[in-house]
């Protein structure tokens, strides 16, 4: 009794396939997270430059980034937070555009 567990080749092949799939999913999720963070960063910097670096906007930007970087990059929460932030930024830009139109 040497502690070796015997498994079939079919089971081993199944585990190898599962490992490949999980690696692929994690790699793509990491890529999605990185792309979303890049989009958000660019959008936030652009929006902050448009509002003239107001204290409230700058504090919100810093607070969001601190919270975002505390979430694991592969987590569903991280990706959902990024999507919610993109929606919030889109709403902010829409409000700014409407304000500009009304000012004209």
C-alpha atoms as a PDB file:
ATOM      1  CA  UNK A   1       0.000   0.000   0.000  1.00  0.00           C
ATOM      2  CA  UNK A   2       2.103   2.863  -1.321  1.00  0.00           C
ATOM      3  CA  UNK A   3      -0.590   5.580  -1.463  1.00  0.00           C
ATOM      4  CA  UNK A   4      -0.981   5.629  -5.243  1.00  0.00           C
ATOM      5  CA  UNK A   5      -4.539   5.839  -6.487  1.00  0.00           C
ATOM      6  CA  UNK A   6      -5.202   4.087  -9.756  1.00  0.00           C
ATOM      7  CA  UNK A   7      -7.324   5.959 -12.291  1.00  0.00           C
ATOM      8  CA  UNK A   8      -8.247   5.162 -15.830  1.00  0.00           C
ATOM      9  CA  UNK A   9      -6.852   6.934 -18.870  1.00  0.00           C
ATOM     10  CA  UNK A  10     -10.346   8.232 -19.609  1.00  0.00           C
ATOM     11  CA  UNK A  11     -10.498   9.956 -16.237  1.00  0.00           C
ATOM     12  CA  UNK A  12      -7.020  11.441 -16.719  1.00  0.00           C
ATOM     13  CA  UNK A  13      -7.982  12.699 -20.190  1.00  0.00           C
ATOM     14  CA  UNK A  14     -11.141  14.230 -18.744  1.00  0.00           C
ATOM     15  CA  UNK A  15      -9.114  16.111 -16.112  1.00  0.00           C
ATOM     16  CA  UNK A  16      -6.650  17.360 -18.738  1.00  0.00           C
ATOM     17  CA  UNK A  17      -9.524  18.650 -20.871  1.00  0.00           C
ATOM     18  CA  UNK A  18     -11.108  20.331 -17.845  1.00  0.00           C
ATOM     19  CA  UNK A  19      -7.792  22.011 -17.006  1.00  0.00           C
ATOM     20  CA  UNK A  20      -7.486  23.303 -20.573  1.00  0.00           C
ATOM     21  CA  UNK A  21     -11.011  24.719 -20.524  1.00  0.00           C
ATOM     22  CA  UNK A  22     -10.559  26.403 -17.134  1.00  0.00           C
ATOM     23  CA  UNK A  23      -7.245  27.909 -18.218  1.00  0.00           C
ATOM     24  CA  UNK A  24      -8.859  29.287 -21.365  1.00  0.00           C
ATOM     25  CA  UNK A  25     -11.803  30.766 -19.460  1.00  0.00           C
ATOM     26  CA  UNK A  26      -9.542  32.424 -16.890  1.00  0.00           C
ATOM     27  CA  UNK A  27      -7.246  33.848 -19.591  1.00  0.00           C
ATOM     28  CA  UNK A  28     -10.183  35.367 -21.481  1.00  0.00           C
ATOM     29  CA  UNK A  29     -11.799  36.698 -18.309  1.00  0.00           C
ATOM     30  CA  UNK A  30      -8.513  38.338 -17.342  1.00  0.00           C
ATOM     31  CA  UNK A  31      -8.308  39.901 -20.815  1.00  0.00           C
ATOM     32  CA  UNK A  32     -11.874  41.196 -20.495  1.00  0.00           C
ATOM     33  CA  UNK A  33     -11.126  42.686 -17.083  1.00  0.00           C
ATOM     34  CA  UNK A  34      -8.009  44.422 -18.380  1.00  0.00           C
ATOM     35  CA  UNK A  35      -9.865  45.835 -21.400  1.00  0.00           C
ATOM     36  CA  UNK A  36     -12.753  47.094 -19.269  1.00  0.00           C
ATOM     37  CA  UNK A  37     -10.370  48.773 -16.811  1.00  0.00           C
ATOM     38  CA  UNK A  38      -8.553  50.462 -19.679  1.00  0.00           C
ATOM     39  CA  UNK A  39     -11.826  51.754 -21.164  1.00  0.00           C
ATOM     40  CA  UNK A  40     -12.975  53.032 -17.777  1.00  0.00           C
ATOM     41  CA  UNK A  41      -9.652  54.728 -17.060  1.00  0.00           C
ATOM     42  CA  UNK A  42      -9.668  56.542 -20.390  1.00  0.00           C
ATOM     43  CA  UNK A  43     -13.315  57.560 -20.044  1.00  0.00           C
ATOM     44  CA  UNK A  44     -12.833  58.798 -16.478  1.00  0.00           C
ATOM     45  CA  UNK A  45      -9.725  60.807 -17.351  1.00  0.00           C
ATOM     46  CA  UNK A  46     -11.542  62.357 -20.322  1.00  0.00           C
ATOM     47  CA  UNK A  47     -14.587  63.179 -18.222  1.00  0.00           C
ATOM     48  CA  UNK A  48     -12.447  64.636 -15.418  1.00  0.00           C
ATOM     49  CA  UNK A  49     -10.611  66.863 -17.875  1.00  0.00           C
ATOM     50  CA  UNK A  50     -13.984  68.083 -19.181  1.00  0.00           C
ATOM     51  CA  UNK A  51     -15.257  69.013 -15.701  1.00  0.00           C
ATOM     52  CA  UNK A  52     -11.995  70.741 -14.811  1.00  0.00           C
ATOM     53  CA  UNK A  53     -10.746  68.384 -12.088  1.00  0.00           C
ATOM     54  CA  UNK A  54     -13.456  69.295  -9.611  1.00  0.00           C
ATOM     55  CA  UNK A  55     -12.695  68.016  -6.108  1.00  0.00           C
ATOM     56  CA  UNK A  56     -15.819  65.817  -5.884  1.00  0.00           C
ATOM     57  CA  UNK A  57     -15.184  64.200  -9.273  1.00  0.00           C
ATOM     58  CA  UNK A  58     -11.526  63.564  -8.502  1.00  0.00           C
ATOM     59  CA  UNK A  59     -12.377  62.035  -5.108  1.00  0.00           C
ATOM     60  CA  UNK A  60     -14.997  59.782  -6.709  1.00  0.00           C
ATOM     61  CA  UNK A  61     -12.451  58.663  -9.325  1.00  0.00           C
ATOM     62  CA  UNK A  62      -9.884  57.797  -6.637  1.00  0.00           C
ATOM     63  CA  UNK A  63     -12.449  56.031  -4.469  1.00  0.00           C
ATOM     64  CA  UNK A  64     -13.705  53.934  -7.382  1.00  0.00           C
ATOM     65  CA  UNK A  65     -10.210  52.850  -8.370  1.00  0.00           C
ATOM     66  CA  UNK A  66      -9.310  51.865  -4.812  1.00  0.00           C
ATOM     67  CA  UNK A  67     -12.473  49.741  -4.580  1.00  0.00           C
ATOM     68  CA  UNK A  68     -11.946  48.215  -8.029  1.00  0.00           C
ATOM     69  CA  UNK A  69      -8.387  47.136  -7.302  1.00  0.00           C
ATOM     70  CA  UNK A  70      -9.543  45.337  -4.144  1.00  0.00           C
ATOM     71  CA  UNK A  71     -11.654  42.977  -6.264  1.00  0.00           C
ATOM     72  CA  UNK A  72      -9.966  39.946  -7.845  1.00  0.00           C
ATOM     73  CA  UNK A  73      -9.500  40.560 -11.600  1.00  0.00           C
ATOM     74  CA  UNK A  74     -11.075  37.223 -12.499  1.00  0.00           C
ATOM     75  CA  UNK A  75     -14.166  37.679 -10.341  1.00  0.00           C
ATOM     76  CA  UNK A  76     -17.642  38.178 -11.685  1.00  0.00           C
ATOM     77  CA  UNK A  77     -18.013  41.118  -9.277  1.00  0.00           C
ATOM     78  CA  UNK A  78     -15.007  42.851 -10.855  1.00  0.00           C
ATOM     79  CA  UNK A  79     -16.440  42.563 -14.352  1.00  0.00           C
ATOM     80  CA  UNK A  80     -19.929  43.615 -13.214  1.00  0.00           C
ATOM     81  CA  UNK A  81     -18.448  46.630 -11.383  1.00  0.00           C
ATOM     82  CA  UNK A  82     -16.628  47.660 -14.554  1.00  0.00           C
ATOM     83  CA  UNK A  83     -19.818  47.375 -16.607  1.00  0.00           C
ATOM     84  CA  UNK A  84     -21.770  49.393 -14.024  1.00  0.00           C
ATOM     85  CA  UNK A  85     -19.086  52.087 -14.095  1.00  0.00           C
ATOM     86  CA  UNK A  86     -19.219  52.262 -17.895  1.00  0.00           C
ATOM     87  CA  UNK A  87     -23.005  52.709 -17.647  1.00  0.00           C
ATOM     88  CA  UNK A  88     -22.558  55.458 -15.029  1.00  0.00           C
ATOM     89  CA  UNK A  89     -19.970  57.218 -17.190  1.00  0.00           C
ATOM     90  CA  UNK A  90     -22.286  56.999 -20.188  1.00  0.00           C
ATOM     91  CA  UNK A  91     -25.095  58.562 -18.143  1.00  0.00           C
ATOM     92  CA  UNK A  92     -22.714  61.318 -16.985  1.00  0.00           C
ATOM     93  CA  UNK A  93     -21.645  62.112 -20.516  1.00  0.00           C
ATOM     94  CA  UNK A  94     -25.293  62.170 -21.608  1.00  0.00           C
ATOM     95  CA  UNK A  95     -26.141  64.639 -18.845  1.00  0.00           C
ATOM     96  CA  UNK A  96     -23.169  66.832 -19.742  1.00  0.00           C
ATOM     97  CA  UNK A  97     -24.127  66.789 -23.400  1.00  0.00           C
ATOM     98  CA  UNK A  98     -27.716  67.736 -22.602  1.00  0.00           C
ATOM     99  CA  UNK A  99     -26.467  70.560 -20.402  1.00  0.00           C
ATOM    100  CA  UNK A 100     -24.225  71.842 -23.191  1.00  0.00           C
ATOM    101  CA  UNK A 101     -27.118  71.688 -25.669  1.00  0.00           C
ATOM    102  CA  UNK A 102     -29.370  73.624 -23.296  1.00  0.00           C
ATOM    103  CA  UNK A 103     -26.632  76.217 -22.723  1.00  0.00           C
ATOM    104  CA  UNK A 104     -26.443  76.876 -26.458  1.00  0.00           C
END
